[in-house]
Amino acid sequence: MRPAVVCLILLALAPGGFAQGPAEWEGEPVAHWIRQLADDDVRARWYAAYAVGQIGPEAAAAVEPLVKILENPREHEYVRGNAAWALGRIGPGAAAAVPLLVETLRSRHVSVRRNAPLALGRMGPAAKDAVPRLRELLSDRDPTVVVNAALALWQIEGDQGAVRGLAALSRQEREDLAPYLAVGALGQVGTASDEVLPALVAALGHADPDVRRAAARELGGLGAEAIPALQEALRTNDDEVRRGAVEAIGRIGVEALPVLTEALKSDGAAARRAAARALGRLGPDAQRAVPALVAALADRDPAVRETIGRALGKIRGE
């Protein structure tokens, strides 16, 4: 997967909800970016919408110019898409834009169809009028639109069917980005749905390495609640799943120290290396694992022994 594509996807799927953003962006206040929204240069307008979205709720004064951009079908597609995204980042202060966002769900501009669901999802139940059209988007030809619509349905009304759809999509073997995107969306749903943990654990064994890495990242982000499911994954016969489970556990942090220590005895060499790397990343916080690491220096795999040596050096501050 190309890095540029991944960056764009992460921007589109980035959580952020209604978190407070900075009162300015790149040293410039909201008023500056509002003026830039009317600039003659399309690139300036695009970046201004991005800046407003980064500022977030404190950029409520930008709602009206953002609406003007979004309702103009002759505006550049990516400027309109960024305007929709920015309205979602502003959050409840942009609730007046909900009817327009609903209308744009049928836009011919794919960037708008991708970002309008994200914005509506961040509005939560206040965007319930969008539900019928969001359901229509579940059959859209663009996988990003499908995933964002499903996530929005969950955010607006807790639609378990939409989460099951994301879980099914994450398991599919296909050449487009749909499984990768679905895994990221499932991470945003989190443990609020019983569908998420099994789907993410299953994704640790996906044929696409990007999907596997995304699953480990999202599971790690769920924190200690994911540990029991990951411990179960460590008991499978699939070395790739075991390795991914250890990577995910390592992202959880010190709370997972006992599980990581036990993983040094895993049947798979890749999982043992992953456990050692994760313990090394914890540095001095992993002092309790030193005896287990020293014992594991007798591992039959030279790559595992080398990784353990490096981990011990990091833990001891060498």
Protein backbone atom coordinates (compact mmCIF):
# COMPACT_ATOMS: atom_id res chain seq x y z
CA MET A 1 0.00 0.00 0.00
CA ARG A 2 1.45 3.35 -1.00
CA PRO A 3 2.33 5.65 1.95
CA ALA A 4 0.55 8.64 0.39
CA VAL A 5 -2.64 6.63 0.09
CA VAL A 6 -2.39 5.46 3.67
CA CYS A 7 -1.93 9.03 4.91
CA LEU A 8 -5.07 10.16 3.11
CA ILE A 9 -7.03 7.25 4.55
CA LEU A 10 -5.86 7.93 8.08
CA LEU A 11 -6.91 11.55 7.69
CA ALA A 12 -10.34 10.45 6.52
CA LEU A 13 -10.75 7.93 9.35
CA ALA A 14 -9.00 9.89 12.05
CA PRO A 15 -10.90 9.86 15.33
CA GLY A 16 -11.07 13.11 17.13
CA GLY A 17 -14.73 13.34 17.91
CA PHE A 18 -15.28 16.69 19.51
CA ALA A 19 -11.89 16.94 21.19
CA GLN A 20 -10.81 20.48 21.80
CA GLY A 21 -8.38 21.67 19.16
CA PRO A 22 -5.97 24.59 19.33
CA ALA A 23 -7.40 28.12 19.11
CA GLU A 24 -5.15 28.67 16.11
CA TRP A 25 -3.33 26.69 13.45
CA GLU A 26 0.25 27.36 12.41
CA GLY A 27 0.18 30.53 14.48
CA GLU A 28 -2.85 31.95 12.64
CA PRO A 29 -6.26 32.51 14.28
CA VAL A 30 -9.61 31.29 12.97
CA ALA A 31 -10.31 34.64 11.31
CA HIS A 32 -7.28 34.22 9.09
CA TRP A 33 -8.39 30.79 7.87
CA ILE A 34 -11.93 32.03 7.31
CA ARG A 35 -10.54 34.66 4.95
CA GLN A 36 -8.50 31.98 3.22
CA LEU A 37 -11.66 29.97 2.59
CA ALA A 38 -12.61 32.65 0.03
CA ASP A 39 -9.17 32.84 -1.60
CA ASP A 40 -8.95 32.65 -5.40
CA ASP A 41 -6.37 29.84 -5.16
CA VAL A 42 -8.02 26.43 -4.85
CA ARG A 43 -5.03 25.14 -2.90
CA ALA A 44 -5.41 27.93 -0.35
CA ARG A 45 -9.11 27.12 0.08
CA TRP A 46 -8.36 23.43 0.50
CA TYR A 47 -5.73 24.07 3.15
CA ALA A 48 -7.89 26.61 4.94
CA ALA A 49 -10.64 24.01 5.34
CA TYR A 50 -8.04 21.58 6.67
CA ALA A 51 -6.78 24.20 9.13
CA VAL A 52 -10.28 24.96 10.36
CA GLY A 53 -10.87 21.26 10.94
CA GLN A 54 -7.66 21.01 12.92
CA ILE A 55 -8.76 23.88 15.13
CA GLY A 56 -12.03 22.06 15.76
CA PRO A 57 -14.83 23.33 18.04
CA GLU A 58 -13.22 26.74 18.49
CA ALA A 59 -13.63 27.35 14.76
CA ALA A 60 -17.45 27.55 14.95
CA ALA A 61 -17.29 30.97 13.28
CA ALA A 62 -16.20 29.17 10.10
CA VAL A 63 -19.41 27.15 9.77
CA GLU A 64 -21.15 29.60 7.42
CA PRO A 65 -18.26 29.88 4.90
CA LEU A 66 -17.76 26.12 5.05
CA VAL A 67 -21.44 25.62 4.25
CA LYS A 68 -21.12 27.98 1.28
CA ILE A 69 -18.26 25.87 -0.05
CA LEU A 70 -20.09 22.61 0.47
CA GLU A 71 -23.32 23.75 -1.15
CA ASN A 72 -21.51 24.97 -4.28
CA PRO A 73 -21.40 22.07 -6.80
CA ARG A 74 -18.92 24.03 -8.94
CA GLU A 75 -16.35 24.17 -6.15
CA HIS A 76 -13.39 21.79 -6.49
CA GLU A 77 -14.24 18.30 -5.26
CA TYR A 78 -11.46 18.10 -2.68
CA VAL A 79 -12.23 21.54 -1.26
CA ARG A 80 -15.86 20.48 -0.78
CA GLY A 81 -14.75 17.22 0.78
CA ASN A 82 -12.46 19.01 3.20
CA ALA A 83 -15.26 21.44 4.07
CA ALA A 84 -17.49 18.50 5.02
CA TRP A 85 -14.68 16.99 7.09
CA ALA A 86 -14.07 20.33 8.85
CA LEU A 87 -17.75 20.68 9.76
CA GLY A 88 -17.56 17.33 11.47
CA ARG A 89 -14.45 18.34 13.37
CA ILE A 90 -16.22 21.47 14.62
CA GLY A 91 -18.91 19.18 16.01
CA PRO A 92 -22.13 20.36 17.69
CA GLY A 93 -21.33 23.95 16.80
CA ALA A 94 -21.91 22.95 13.18
CA ALA A 95 -25.23 21.18 13.79
CA ALA A 96 -27.00 23.66 11.49
CA ALA A 97 -25.13 22.03 8.60
CA VAL A 98 -26.70 18.61 9.14
CA PRO A 99 -29.44 18.99 6.46
CA LEU A 100 -26.84 20.04 3.89
CA LEU A 101 -24.53 17.18 4.87
CA VAL A 102 -27.44 14.75 4.44
CA GLU A 103 -28.15 16.20 1.01
CA THR A 104 -24.53 15.85 -0.08
CA LEU A 105 -24.48 12.13 0.70
CA ARG A 106 -25.69 11.70 -2.90
CA SER A 107 -23.02 13.98 -4.33
CA ARG A 108 -21.27 12.93 -7.53
CA HIS A 109 -18.04 14.01 -5.83
CA VAL A 110 -16.55 10.95 -4.16
CA SER A 111 -14.53 13.08 -1.72
CA VAL A 112 -17.79 14.59 -0.47
CA ARG A 113 -19.45 11.18 -0.17
CA ARG A 114 -16.46 10.02 1.85
CA ASN A 115 -16.33 12.92 4.28
CA ALA A 116 -20.00 13.80 4.78
CA PRO A 117 -20.66 10.49 6.61
CA LEU A 118 -17.70 11.16 8.89
CA ALA A 119 -19.10 14.58 9.74
CA LEU A 120 -22.60 13.25 10.37
CA GLY A 121 -21.26 10.46 12.55
CA ARG A 122 -19.50 12.99 14.75
CA MET A 123 -22.81 14.79 15.20
CA GLY A 124 -24.20 11.63 16.81
CA PRO A 125 -27.98 11.27 17.37
CA ALA A 126 -28.53 14.85 16.16
CA ALA A 127 -27.91 13.47 12.66
CA LYS A 128 -30.61 10.77 12.81
CA ASP A 129 -32.27 12.16 9.67
CA ALA A 130 -29.22 10.98 7.75
CA VAL A 131 -29.80 7.30 8.54
CA PRO A 132 -31.82 6.32 5.42
CA ARG A 133 -29.28 7.85 3.03
CA LEU A 134 -26.36 6.44 4.98
CA ARG A 135 -27.88 2.99 4.48
CA GLU A 136 -27.96 3.67 0.75
CA LEU A 137 -24.22 4.34 0.84
CA LEU A 138 -23.53 0.83 2.18
CA SER A 139 -23.76 -0.31 -1.43
CA ASP A 140 -21.62 2.53 -2.83
CA ARG A 141 -18.93 1.54 -5.33
CA ASP A 142 -16.23 3.28 -3.26
CA PRO A 143 -15.03 1.22 -0.24
CA THR A 144 -14.10 4.31 1.78
CA VAL A 145 -17.66 5.60 1.42
CA VAL A 146 -19.07 2.24 2.51
CA VAL A 147 -16.86 2.04 5.61
CA ASN A 148 -17.48 5.65 6.64
CA ALA A 149 -21.24 5.24 6.21
CA ALA A 150 -21.23 2.10 8.36
CA LEU A 151 -19.20 3.83 11.07
CA ALA A 152 -21.58 6.80 11.00
CA LEU A 153 -24.59 4.50 11.43
CA TRP A 154 -22.95 3.10 14.53
CA GLN A 155 -22.13 6.56 15.90
CA ILE A 156 -25.60 7.95 15.24
CA GLU A 157 -27.80 5.09 16.42
CA GLY A 158 -25.55 2.26 17.62
CA ASP A 159 -26.40 0.12 14.59
CA GLN A 160 -25.04 -3.36 15.32
CA GLY A 161 -25.82 -4.47 11.78
CA ALA A 162 -23.42 -1.83 10.48
CA VAL A 163 -20.70 -3.13 12.81
CA ARG A 164 -21.32 -6.69 11.63
CA GLY A 165 -20.93 -5.40 8.10
CA LEU A 166 -17.57 -3.87 9.00
CA ALA A 167 -16.51 -7.13 10.62
CA ALA A 168 -17.45 -9.07 7.49
CA LEU A 169 -15.58 -6.59 5.31
CA SER A 170 -12.44 -6.91 7.45
CA ARG A 171 -12.37 -10.65 6.73
CA GLN A 172 -12.65 -10.37 2.97
CA GLU A 173 -9.68 -11.10 0.74
CA ARG A 174 -9.75 -8.36 -1.88
CA GLU A 175 -7.31 -6.10 -3.64
CA ASP A 176 -8.83 -2.77 -2.67
CA LEU A 177 -8.52 -0.98 0.68
CA ALA A 178 -11.85 -2.14 2.13
CA PRO A 179 -10.52 -4.64 4.73
CA TYR A 180 -7.86 -2.17 5.91
CA LEU A 181 -10.41 0.61 6.25
CA ALA A 182 -12.89 -1.67 8.00
CA VAL A 183 -10.30 -2.61 10.62
CA GLY A 184 -9.66 1.08 11.35
CA ALA A 185 -13.38 1.72 11.73
CA LEU A 186 -13.78 -1.26 14.06
CA GLY A 187 -11.07 0.21 16.24
CA GLN A 188 -13.16 3.37 16.57
CA VAL A 189 -16.23 1.36 17.58
CA GLY A 190 -14.09 -0.34 20.22
CA THR A 191 -15.34 -2.66 22.91
CA ALA A 192 -18.75 -0.97 22.90
CA SER A 193 -19.75 -3.72 20.46
CA ASP A 194 -19.20 -7.45 20.99
CA GLU A 195 -18.47 -7.78 17.28
CA VAL A 196 -15.20 -5.88 17.42
CA LEU A 197 -12.70 -8.00 19.36
CA PRO A 198 -13.33 -11.26 17.46
CA ALA A 199 -13.15 -9.43 14.13
CA LEU A 200 -9.89 -7.67 14.97
CA VAL A 201 -8.31 -10.86 16.30
CA ALA A 202 -9.31 -12.66 13.10
CA ALA A 203 -7.77 -9.81 11.08
CA LEU A 204 -4.39 -10.61 12.67
CA GLY A 205 -4.26 -13.52 10.24
CA HIS A 206 -5.38 -11.63 7.13
CA ALA A 207 -3.44 -12.25 3.92
CA ASP A 208 -2.69 -8.53 3.55
CA PRO A 209 0.19 -7.46 5.83
CA ASP A 210 -1.22 -3.92 6.03
CA VAL A 211 -4.48 -5.33 7.40
CA ARG A 212 -2.58 -7.44 9.91
CA ARG A 213 -0.59 -4.44 11.13
CA ALA A 214 -3.73 -2.32 11.35
CA ALA A 215 -5.46 -5.01 13.42
CA ALA A 216 -2.54 -5.14 15.87
CA ARG A 217 -2.57 -1.34 16.12
CA GLU A 218 -6.30 -1.16 16.79
CA LEU A 219 -6.28 -4.01 19.30
CA GLY A 220 -3.42 -2.38 21.16
CA GLY A 221 -5.38 0.85 21.23
CA LEU A 222 -8.28 -0.85 22.99
CA GLY A 223 -6.13 -1.29 26.09
CA ALA A 224 -6.40 -3.91 28.81
CA GLU A 225 -9.92 -4.91 27.74
CA ALA A 226 -8.39 -6.63 24.72
CA ILE A 227 -5.95 -8.78 26.69
CA PRO A 228 -8.21 -11.84 27.23
CA ALA A 229 -9.01 -12.06 23.50
CA LEU A 230 -5.34 -11.64 22.63
CA GLN A 231 -4.33 -14.34 25.11
CA GLU A 232 -6.73 -16.67 23.32
CA ALA A 233 -5.12 -15.72 20.01
CA LEU A 234 -1.73 -16.73 21.42
CA ARG A 235 -3.03 -20.29 21.73
CA THR A 236 -3.75 -20.68 18.01
CA ASN A 237 -1.57 -22.70 15.64
CA ASP A 238 -1.11 -19.77 13.25
CA ASP A 239 2.30 -18.22 13.83
CA GLU A 240 1.27 -15.00 12.06
CA VAL A 241 -1.75 -14.61 14.36
CA ARG A 242 0.41 -15.26 17.41
CA ARG A 243 2.96 -12.69 16.28
CA GLY A 244 0.25 -10.11 15.64
CA ALA A 245 -1.32 -10.79 19.02
CA VAL A 246 2.01 -10.17 20.74
CA GLU A 247 2.48 -6.94 18.77
CA ALA A 248 -0.96 -5.80 19.91
CA ILE A 249 -0.28 -6.75 23.53
CA GLY A 250 2.97 -4.82 23.38
CA ARG A 251 1.08 -1.67 22.44
CA ILE A 252 -1.04 -1.93 25.58
CA GLY A 253 1.91 -1.21 27.84
CA VAL A 254 2.91 -2.16 31.37
CA GLU A 255 -0.51 -3.66 32.13
CA ALA A 256 0.33 -6.42 29.67
CA LEU A 257 3.77 -7.21 31.15
CA PRO A 258 2.83 -10.69 32.50
CA VAL A 259 1.34 -11.71 29.15
CA LEU A 260 4.39 -10.48 27.24
CA THR A 261 6.69 -12.37 29.58
CA GLU A 262 4.71 -15.55 29.02
CA ALA A 263 4.82 -14.97 25.26
CA LEU A 264 8.60 -15.43 25.39
CA LYS A 265 7.75 -19.15 25.56
CA SER A 266 5.47 -19.09 22.52
CA ASP A 267 5.76 -21.92 19.98
CA GLY A 268 6.41 -19.46 17.16
CA ALA A 269 9.78 -17.75 16.80
CA ALA A 270 8.12 -14.66 15.29
CA ALA A 271 5.91 -14.32 18.36
CA ARG A 272 8.90 -14.73 20.71
CA ARG A 273 10.80 -12.03 18.84
CA ALA A 274 7.76 -9.76 18.97
CA ALA A 275 7.47 -10.29 22.73
CA ALA A 276 11.12 -9.39 23.24
CA ARG A 277 10.80 -6.27 21.08
CA ALA A 278 7.72 -5.17 22.99
CA LEU A 279 9.44 -5.64 26.34
CA GLY A 280 12.41 -3.65 25.07
CA ARG A 281 10.14 -0.79 24.05
CA LEU A 282 8.86 -0.60 27.62
CA GLY A 283 12.42 0.17 28.78
CA PRO A 284 12.99 0.34 32.53
CA ASP A 285 9.27 -0.24 33.14
CA ALA A 286 9.87 -3.87 32.14
CA GLN A 287 12.39 -4.60 34.93
CA ARG A 288 10.20 -7.42 36.26
CA ALA A 289 10.66 -9.25 32.96
CA VAL A 290 14.47 -9.32 33.18
CA PRO A 291 14.73 -12.82 34.75
CA ALA A 292 12.46 -14.26 32.05
CA LEU A 293 14.45 -12.53 29.33
CA VAL A 294 17.75 -13.78 30.72
CA ALA A 295 16.37 -17.32 30.80
CA ALA A 296 15.17 -16.91 27.22
CA LEU A 297 18.71 -16.12 26.05
CA ALA A 298 19.00 -19.89 25.62
CA ASP A 299 16.36 -19.75 22.84
CA ARG A 300 17.12 -22.07 19.92
CA ASP A 301 16.56 -19.27 17.38
CA PRO A 302 19.55 -16.89 16.98
CA ALA A 303 17.30 -14.01 15.83
CA VAL A 304 15.25 -14.38 19.01
CA ARG A 305 18.41 -14.38 21.14
CA GLU A 306 19.65 -11.24 19.40
CA THR A 307 16.32 -9.45 19.95
CA ILE A 308 16.32 -10.45 23.62
CA GLY A 309 19.82 -9.05 24.01
CA ARG A 310 18.75 -5.71 22.59
CA ALA A 311 15.67 -5.69 24.83
CA LEU A 312 17.76 -6.29 27.94
CA GLY A 313 20.02 -3.40 26.95
CA LYS A 314 17.05 -1.05 26.63
CA ILE A 315 15.54 -2.16 29.92
CA ARG A 316 18.85 -1.68 31.73
CA GLY A 317 19.44 1.65 30.05
CA GLU A 318 22.57 0.44 28.25
